C-alpha atoms as a PDB file:
ATOM      1  CA  MET A   1       0.000   0.000   0.000  1.00  0.00           C
ATOM      2  CA  ALA A   2       1.441   3.379  -1.040  1.00  0.00           C
ATOM      3  CA  GLU A   3       2.508   5.752   1.706  1.00  0.00           C
ATOM      4  CA  THR A   4       0.357   8.885   2.003  1.00  0.00           C
ATOM      5  CA  ALA A   5       2.164  12.007   0.803  1.00  0.00           C
ATOM      6  CA  GLU A   6       2.166  14.570   3.583  1.00  0.00           C
ATOM      7  CA  ILE A   7       3.670  17.808   4.749  1.00  0.00           C
ATOM      8  CA  PHE A   8       3.696  19.335   8.213  1.00  0.00           C
ATOM      9  CA  ILE A   9       2.260  22.832   8.727  1.00  0.00           C
ATOM     10  CA  ASP A  10       2.920  24.183  12.213  1.00  0.00           C
ATOM     11  CA  GLY A  11       3.214  20.592  13.396  1.00  0.00           C
ATOM     12  CA  GLN A  12      -0.037  19.437  11.785  1.00  0.00           C
ATOM     13  CA  ARG A  13       0.091  16.581   9.279  1.00  0.00           C
ATOM     14  CA  VAL A  14      -1.423  17.646   5.975  1.00  0.00           C
ATOM     15  CA  ALA A  15      -1.962  15.203   3.117  1.00  0.00           C
ATOM     16  CA  PHE A  16      -1.438  16.465  -0.412  1.00  0.00           C
ATOM     17  CA  GLN A  17      -1.808  15.280  -3.995  1.00  0.00           C
ATOM     18  CA  ALA A  18       0.646  15.508  -6.866  1.00  0.00           C
ATOM     19  CA  GLU A  19       1.004  19.014  -8.325  1.00  0.00           C
ATOM     20  CA  GLN A  20      -0.704  20.668  -5.361  1.00  0.00           C
ATOM     21  CA  THR A  21       0.956  23.773  -3.996  1.00  0.00           C
ATOM     22  CA  ILE A  22       1.399  24.314  -0.271  1.00  0.00           C
ATOM     23  CA  MET A  23      -1.469  26.811  -0.446  1.00  0.00           C
ATOM     24  CA  MET A  24      -3.776  24.290  -2.105  1.00  0.00           C
ATOM     25  CA  ALA A  25      -2.930  21.539   0.366  1.00  0.00           C
ATOM     26  CA  ALA A  26      -3.385  23.885   3.328  1.00  0.00           C
ATOM     27  CA  HIS A  27      -6.724  25.149   2.024  1.00  0.00           C
ATOM     28  CA  ALA A  28      -7.991  21.591   1.505  1.00  0.00           C
ATOM     29  CA  ALA A  29      -7.031  20.824   5.124  1.00  0.00           C
ATOM     30  CA  GLY A  30      -8.815  23.910   6.469  1.00  0.00           C
ATOM     31  CA  ILE A  31      -5.580  25.771   7.283  1.00  0.00           C
ATOM     32  CA  TYR A  32      -5.597  29.459   6.404  1.00  0.00           C
ATOM     33  CA  ILE A  33      -2.507  31.034   4.861  1.00  0.00           C
ATOM     34  CA  PRO A  34      -2.948  34.814   4.353  1.00  0.00           C
ATOM     35  CA  HIS A  35      -3.052  36.042   0.757  1.00  0.00           C
ATOM     36  CA  LEU A  36      -4.390  38.794  -1.484  1.00  0.00           C
ATOM     37  CA  CYS A  37      -3.231  37.950  -5.013  1.00  0.00           C
ATOM     38  CA  HIS A  38      -4.201  34.264  -4.892  1.00  0.00           C
ATOM     39  CA  HIS A  39      -7.415  32.736  -6.246  1.00  0.00           C
ATOM     40  CA  PRO A  40      -7.919  28.983  -6.741  1.00  0.00           C
ATOM     41  CA  GLU A  41      -9.363  29.451 -10.237  1.00  0.00           C
ATOM     42  CA  LEU A  42      -6.412  31.493 -11.461  1.00  0.00           C
ATOM     43  CA  LYS A  43      -2.772  30.633 -12.107  1.00  0.00           C
ATOM     44  CA  PRO A  44      -0.594  31.324  -9.008  1.00  0.00           C
ATOM     45  CA  HIS A  45       1.017  34.742  -9.106  1.00  0.00           C
ATOM     46  CA  GLY A  46       3.117  35.139  -5.953  1.00  0.00           C
ATOM     47  CA  SER A  47       3.161  38.939  -6.034  1.00  0.00           C
ATOM     48  CA  CYS A  48       1.555  40.063  -2.763  1.00  0.00           C
ATOM     49  CA  ARG A  49       4.074  38.158  -0.557  1.00  0.00           C
ATOM     50  CA  LEU A  50       1.523  37.707   2.215  1.00  0.00           C
ATOM     51  CA  CYS A  51       1.540  33.931   1.820  1.00  0.00           C
ATOM     52  CA  VAL A  52       5.280  33.600   2.453  1.00  0.00           C
ATOM     53  CA  VAL A  53       5.922  30.693   4.816  1.00  0.00           C
ATOM     54  CA  GLU A  54       9.084  29.011   6.009  1.00  0.00           C
ATOM     55  CA  VAL A  55       9.701  25.710   4.227  1.00  0.00           C
ATOM     56  CA  ASN A  56      12.569  23.626   5.576  1.00  0.00           C
ATOM     57  CA  GLY A  57      14.279  26.802   6.706  1.00  0.00           C
ATOM     58  CA  ARG A  58      13.652  28.840   3.531  1.00  0.00           C
ATOM     59  CA  LYS A  59      11.119  31.653   3.029  1.00  0.00           C
ATOM     60  CA  LEU A  60       8.897  30.762   0.048  1.00  0.00           C
ATOM     61  CA  SER A  61       5.474  31.790  -1.245  1.00  0.00           C
ATOM     62  CA  ALA A  62       2.893  29.119  -0.433  1.00  0.00           C
ATOM     63  CA  CYS A  63       0.850  29.807  -3.583  1.00  0.00           C
ATOM     64  CA  THR A  64       3.694  29.032  -6.006  1.00  0.00           C
ATOM     65  CA  THR A  65       5.663  26.370  -4.095  1.00  0.00           C
ATOM     66  CA  LEU A  66       4.746  22.756  -4.752  1.00  0.00           C
ATOM     67  CA  ALA A  67       4.103  20.555  -1.753  1.00  0.00           C
ATOM     68  CA  GLN A  68       6.789  17.892  -1.395  1.00  0.00           C
ATOM     69  CA  GLN A  69       6.960  14.883   0.882  1.00  0.00           C
ATOM     70  CA  GLY A  70       8.004  15.640   4.441  1.00  0.00           C
ATOM     71  CA  GLN A  71       8.270  19.433   4.180  1.00  0.00           C
ATOM     72  CA  ILE A  72       8.380  21.178   7.553  1.00  0.00           C
ATOM     73  CA  ILE A  73       6.404  24.390   7.145  1.00  0.00           C
ATOM     74  CA  HIS A  74       5.911  27.284   9.538  1.00  0.00           C
ATOM     75  CA  ASN A  75       2.930  29.544   8.875  1.00  0.00           C
ATOM     76  CA  GLN A  76       2.142  31.219  12.205  1.00  0.00           C
ATOM     77  CA  ARG A  77       5.545  32.124  13.571  1.00  0.00           C
ATOM     78  CA  ALA A  78       5.969  35.611  15.017  1.00  0.00           C
ATOM     79  CA  ASP A  79       8.488  36.765  12.393  1.00  0.00           C
ATOM     80  CA  LEU A  80       6.193  35.718   9.537  1.00  0.00           C
ATOM     81  CA  ILE A  81       3.245  37.542  11.072  1.00  0.00           C
ATOM     82  CA  ALA A  82       5.409  40.645  11.565  1.00  0.00           C
ATOM     83  CA  SER A  83       6.474  40.524   7.910  1.00  0.00           C
ATOM     84  CA  ARG A  84       2.836  40.237   6.772  1.00  0.00           C
ATOM     85  CA  ARG A  85       1.900  43.148   8.999  1.00  0.00           C
ATOM     86  CA  CYS A  86       4.605  45.263   7.350  1.00  0.00           C
ATOM     87  CA  VAL A  87       3.375  44.372   3.854  1.00  0.00           C
ATOM     88  CA  LEU A  88      -0.153  45.380   4.830  1.00  0.00           C
ATOM     89  CA  GLN A  89       1.056  48.642   6.355  1.00  0.00           C
ATOM     90  CA  LEU A  90       2.740  49.483   3.059  1.00  0.00           C
ATOM     91  CA  LEU A  91      -0.400  48.651   1.088  1.00  0.00           C
ATOM     92  CA  PHE A  92      -2.501  50.924   3.279  1.00  0.00           C
ATOM     93  CA  VAL A  93      -0.230  53.950   2.839  1.00  0.00           C
ATOM     94  CA  GLU A  94       0.387  53.435  -0.891  1.00  0.00           C
ATOM     95  CA  GLY A  95      -3.297  53.953  -1.710  1.00  0.00           C
ATOM     96  CA  ASN A  96      -6.198  55.943  -0.305  1.00  0.00           C
ATOM     97  CA  HIS A  97      -7.956  53.473   1.976  1.00  0.00           C
ATOM     98  CA  VAL A  98     -10.508  55.295   4.096  1.00  0.00           C
ATOM     99  CA  CYS A  99     -12.245  52.238   5.505  1.00  0.00           C
ATOM    100  CA  PRO A 100     -15.245  53.906   7.239  1.00  0.00           C
ATOM    101  CA  ALA A 101     -16.316  55.446   3.923  1.00  0.00           C
ATOM    102  CA  CYS A 102     -15.669  52.361   1.789  1.00  0.00           C
ATOM    103  CA  GLU A 103     -18.553  50.165   0.631  1.00  0.00           C
ATOM    104  CA  LYS A 104     -16.330  47.101   1.126  1.00  0.00           C
ATOM    105  CA  SER A 105     -15.715  47.794   4.822  1.00  0.00           C
ATOM    106  CA  GLY A 106     -16.491  44.549   6.614  1.00  0.00           C
ATOM    107  CA  ASP A 107     -16.229  42.688   3.302  1.00  0.00           C
ATOM    108  CA  CYS A 108     -12.659  43.620   2.349  1.00  0.00           C
ATOM    109  CA  GLN A 109      -9.794  41.144   2.455  1.00  0.00           C
ATOM    110  CA  LEU A 110      -7.201  43.876   2.965  1.00  0.00           C
ATOM    111  CA  GLN A 111      -9.048  45.215   5.995  1.00  0.00           C
ATOM    112  CA  ALA A 112      -9.781  41.730   7.351  1.00  0.00           C
ATOM    113  CA  LEU A 113      -6.124  40.715   7.091  1.00  0.00           C
ATOM    114  CA  ALA A 114      -5.066  43.880   8.911  1.00  0.00           C
ATOM    115  CA  TYR A 115      -7.295  42.832  11.796  1.00  0.00           C
ATOM    116  CA  ALA A 116      -5.985  39.257  11.625  1.00  0.00           C
ATOM    117  CA  VAL A 117      -2.335  40.320  12.043  1.00  0.00           C
ATOM    118  CA  GLU A 118      -3.262  42.996  14.605  1.00  0.00           C
ATOM    119  CA  MET A 119      -2.154  45.943  12.496  1.00  0.00           C
ATOM    120  CA  ILE A 120      -2.798  48.835  14.890  1.00  0.00           C
ATOM    121  CA  SER A 121      -1.457  51.687  12.730  1.00  0.00           C
ATOM    122  CA  PRO A 122      -0.095  52.189   9.200  1.00  0.00           C
ATOM    123  CA  ARG A 123       3.357  53.048  10.693  1.00  0.00           C
ATOM    124  CA  PHE A 124       4.672  54.614   7.475  1.00  0.00           C
ATOM    125  CA  ALA A 125       3.889  58.053   6.057  1.00  0.00           C
ATOM    126  CA  HIS A 126       0.860  58.082   3.744  1.00  0.00           C
ATOM    127  CA  PHE A 127       1.552  58.694   0.053  1.00  0.00           C
ATOM    128  CA  TYR A 128      -1.891  60.269  -0.577  1.00  0.00           C
ATOM    129  CA  PRO A 129      -1.636  59.610  -4.334  1.00  0.00           C
ATOM    130  CA  GLN A 130      -3.860  61.620  -6.663  1.00  0.00           C
ATOM    131  CA  ARG A 131      -6.080  58.993  -8.255  1.00  0.00           C
ATOM    132  CA  THR A 132      -9.391  59.133 -10.043  1.00  0.00           C
ATOM    133  CA  VAL A 133     -12.706  57.303  -9.900  1.00  0.00           C
ATOM    134  CA  ASP A 134     -14.108  55.991 -13.180  1.00  0.00           C
ATOM    135  CA  ALA A 135     -17.905  56.145 -12.973  1.00  0.00           C
ATOM    136  CA  SER A 136     -18.444  56.110 -16.738  1.00  0.00           C
ATOM    137  CA  HIS A 137     -19.858  52.556 -16.870  1.00  0.00           C
ATOM    138  CA  PRO A 138     -23.648  52.308 -16.316  1.00  0.00           C
ATOM    139  CA  ASP A 139     -23.320  49.380 -13.892  1.00  0.00           C
ATOM    140  CA  ILE A 140     -19.778  49.418 -12.503  1.00  0.00           C
ATOM    141  CA  LEU A 141     -17.610  51.834 -10.534  1.00  0.00           C
ATOM    142  CA  LEU A 142     -13.808  51.622 -10.764  1.00  0.00           C
ATOM    143  CA  ASP A 143     -12.094  53.339  -7.832  1.00  0.00           C
ATOM    144  CA  TYR A 144      -8.362  53.522  -8.515  1.00  0.00           C
ATOM    145  CA  ASN A 145      -7.797  54.748  -4.948  1.00  0.00           C
ATOM    146  CA  ARG A 146      -8.544  51.266  -3.580  1.00  0.00           C
ATOM    147  CA  CYS A 147      -6.522  49.252  -6.109  1.00  0.00           C
ATOM    148  CA  ILE A 148      -3.635  47.271  -4.584  1.00  0.00           C
ATOM    149  CA  LEU A 149      -2.259  45.959  -7.915  1.00  0.00           C
ATOM    150  CA  CYS A 150      -2.955  42.314  -7.060  1.00  0.00           C
ATOM    151  CA  GLU A 151      -3.801  41.739 -10.757  1.00  0.00           C
ATOM    152  CA  LEU A 152      -6.724  39.458  -9.898  1.00  0.00           C
ATOM    153  CA  CYS A 153      -9.132  41.405 -12.126  1.00  0.00           C
ATOM    154  CA  LEU A 154      -6.526  41.521 -14.884  1.00  0.00           C
ATOM    155  CA  ARG A 155      -5.910  37.761 -14.782  1.00  0.00           C
ATOM    156  CA  ALA A 156      -9.604  36.878 -14.439  1.00  0.00           C
ATOM    157  CA  SER A 157     -10.548  39.084 -17.380  1.00  0.00           C
ATOM    158  CA  ARG A 158      -7.765  37.658 -19.526  1.00  0.00           C
ATOM    159  CA  ASP A 159      -7.830  33.980 -18.538  1.00  0.00           C
ATOM    160  CA  VAL A 160     -11.472  33.354 -17.546  1.00  0.00           C
ATOM    161  CA  ASP A 161     -13.591  36.025 -19.238  1.00  0.00           C
ATOM    162  CA  HIS A 162     -11.278  36.148 -22.305  1.00  0.00           C
ATOM    163  CA  LYS A 163     -11.846  39.886 -22.617  1.00  0.00           C
ATOM    164  CA  ASN A 164      -8.507  41.354 -21.517  1.00  0.00           C
ATOM    165  CA  VAL A 165     -10.179  44.464 -20.094  1.00  0.00           C
ATOM    166  CA  PHE A 166      -7.313  45.442 -17.767  1.00  0.00           C
ATOM    167  CA  SER A 167      -3.552  45.890 -17.859  1.00  0.00           C
ATOM    168  CA  LEU A 168      -0.813  47.429 -15.719  1.00  0.00           C
ATOM    169  CA  GLN A 169       0.985  50.506 -17.000  1.00  0.00           C
ATOM    170  CA  GLN A 170       4.402  51.969 -16.102  1.00  0.00           C
ATOM    171  CA  ARG A 171       6.756  50.561 -13.468  1.00  0.00           C
ATOM    172  CA  GLY A 172       7.879  50.934  -9.863  1.00  0.00           C
ATOM    173  CA  ASP A 173       5.861  53.324  -7.710  1.00  0.00           C
ATOM    174  CA  LYS A 174       4.195  54.692 -10.862  1.00  0.00           C
ATOM    175  CA  THR A 175       2.590  51.342 -11.718  1.00  0.00           C
ATOM    176  CA  HIS A 176      -1.164  51.634 -12.081  1.00  0.00           C
ATOM    177  CA  LEU A 177      -4.172  49.700 -13.342  1.00  0.00           C
ATOM    178  CA  SER A 178      -5.410  50.708 -16.773  1.00  0.00           C
ATOM    179  CA  VAL A 179      -8.527  49.949 -18.826  1.00  0.00           C
ATOM    180  CA  ASN A 180      -7.873  48.587 -22.307  1.00  0.00           C
ATOM    181  CA  SER A 181     -10.309  50.705 -24.279  1.00  0.00           C
ATOM    182  CA  ALA A 182      -9.839  53.424 -26.862  1.00  0.00           C
ATOM    183  CA  SER A 183     -10.758  56.128 -24.360  1.00  0.00           C
ATOM    184  CA  GLY A 184      -9.288  54.414 -21.307  1.00  0.00           C
ATOM    185  CA  GLN A 185     -12.758  54.599 -19.745  1.00  0.00           C
ATOM    186  CA  LEU A 186     -14.660  51.614 -18.349  1.00  0.00           C
ATOM    187  CA  ALA A 187     -17.783  52.563 -20.320  1.00  0.00           C
ATOM    188  CA  ASP A 188     -15.953  51.818 -23.578  1.00  0.00           C
ATOM    189  CA  SER A 189     -14.748  48.402 -22.401  1.00  0.00           C
ATOM    190  CA  THR A 190     -16.492  45.025 -22.562  1.00  0.00           C
ATOM    191  CA  LEU A 191     -16.586  44.548 -18.770  1.00  0.00           C
ATOM    192  CA  ALA A 192     -19.952  43.255 -17.489  1.00  0.00           C
ATOM    193  CA  LEU A 193     -21.378  42.651 -14.022  1.00  0.00           C
ATOM    194  CA  GLY A 194     -21.366  38.884 -14.518  1.00  0.00           C
ATOM    195  CA  ASP A 195     -17.673  38.706 -15.405  1.00  0.00           C
ATOM    196  CA  LYS A 196     -15.258  36.790 -13.189  1.00  0.00           C
ATOM    197  CA  ALA A 197     -13.183  39.965 -13.019  1.00  0.00           C
ATOM    198  CA  MET A 198     -15.997  41.553 -11.024  1.00  0.00           C
ATOM    199  CA  GLN A 199     -16.011  38.740  -8.464  1.00  0.00           C
ATOM    200  CA  VAL A 200     -12.333  38.540  -7.515  1.00  0.00           C
ATOM    201  CA  CYS A 201     -11.344  42.050  -6.396  1.00  0.00           C
ATOM    202  CA  PRO A 202     -10.238  41.705  -2.736  1.00  0.00           C
ATOM    203  CA  VAL A 203     -10.801  45.398  -1.984  1.00  0.00           C
ATOM    204  CA  GLY A 204     -13.266  48.074  -3.109  1.00  0.00           C
ATOM    205  CA  ALA A 205     -11.734  48.911  -6.481  1.00  0.00           C
ATOM    206  CA  LEU A 206     -14.519  47.355  -8.573  1.00  0.00           C
ATOM    207  CA  LEU A 207     -18.076  47.847  -7.343  1.00  0.00           C
ATOM    208  CA  SER A 208     -21.556  47.237  -8.646  1.00  0.00           C
ATOM    209  CA  LYS A 209     -23.472  50.512  -8.674  1.00  0.00           C
ATOM    210  CA  GLN A 210     -26.796  48.727  -8.106  1.00  0.00           C
ATOM    211  CA  THR A 211     -25.831  46.930  -4.894  1.00  0.00           C
ATOM    212  CA  ALA A 212     -23.266  49.220  -3.250  1.00  0.00           C
ATOM    213  CA  TYR A 213     -23.878  50.184   0.390  1.00  0.00           C
ATOM    214  CA  GLN A 214     -26.908  47.911   0.754  1.00  0.00           C
ATOM    215  CA  THR A 215     -25.479  45.374   3.228  1.00  0.00           C
ATOM    216  CA  PRO A 216     -25.984  46.664   6.799  1.00  0.00           C
ATOM    217  CA  ILE A 217     -23.321  46.638   9.495  1.00  0.00           C
ATOM    218  CA  GLY A 218     -23.483  43.302  11.270  1.00  0.00           C
ATOM    219  CA  ALA A 219     -24.424  41.362   8.146  1.00  0.00           C
ATOM    220  CA  ARG A 220     -21.186  41.842   6.222  1.00  0.00           C
ATOM    221  CA  LEU A 221     -18.906  38.886   5.512  1.00  0.00           C
ATOM    222  CA  TYR A 222     -16.268  39.547   8.158  1.00  0.00           C
ATOM    223  CA  ASP A 223     -18.825  40.738  10.687  1.00  0.00           C
ATOM    224  CA  GLN A 224     -19.823  37.069  10.819  1.00  0.00           C
ATOM    225  CA  LYS A 225     -16.379  35.521  11.269  1.00  0.00           C
ATOM    226  CA  PRO A 226     -12.717  36.483  10.914  1.00  0.00           C
ATOM    227  CA  ILE A 227     -11.002  35.886   7.583  1.00  0.00           C
ATOM    228  CA  ALA A 228      -8.942  32.984   8.965  1.00  0.00           C
ATOM    229  CA  GLN A 229     -12.145  31.032   9.628  1.00  0.00           C
ATOM    230  CA  GLY A 230     -13.415  31.128   6.082  1.00  0.00           C
ATOM    231  CA  GLU A 231     -12.430  32.136   2.568  1.00  0.00           C
ATOM    232  CA  ALA A 232     -15.727  32.962   0.905  1.00  0.00           C
ATOM    233  CA  HIS A 233     -13.990  35.291  -1.565  1.00  0.00           C
ATOM    234  CA  ASP A 234     -11.990  32.390  -2.957  1.00  0.00           C
ATOM    235  CA  GLY A 235     -14.981  30.307  -3.924  1.00  0.00           C
END
């Protein structure tokens, strides 16, 4: 009888199948590894660095690293949590995230992760970038202030919707999301409410105009349970 392939995450035995990443194996076992750029229906990206774990003494991203027999993995060590907290602090100051005024408050992965790692303050000086809001589409609002450049909408539009609505322009701290239309406006794109790209944004960058601000406080996703206890956004 073949021996079960397994890894060890924080001392817990976790079975895995061939070609599964550490993230996939952990998720199947009900173990939460923080992430923002990962989605199970999209090719692993490894850009947000929140899912970095220690694997046999090396720091690797859980979403891109294949599970291999006998790996000793640390996910909840203090230094890893501190590193994730720092990444989140940088994300908060690089955009304009005013949570009390955001429709996604209580339903935002960025906000929920900040609570999970006990991020008390942004720590760094705010950039306060000058960004616009594209309200040209009849059904959809695109708020560039909330975008964290996770590329989930870009990848979903390209690989699932086959529309290629979004792209990233420029480099470094000038990198920004762009709409691939003649005018650069969402109204002139092929984006629709039913697109996968509309379902994967982890923050409040893409919103439905018809349903925004309708969910009352207390009924929002992370009002019900912390992010580590469920990953509804990944379904």
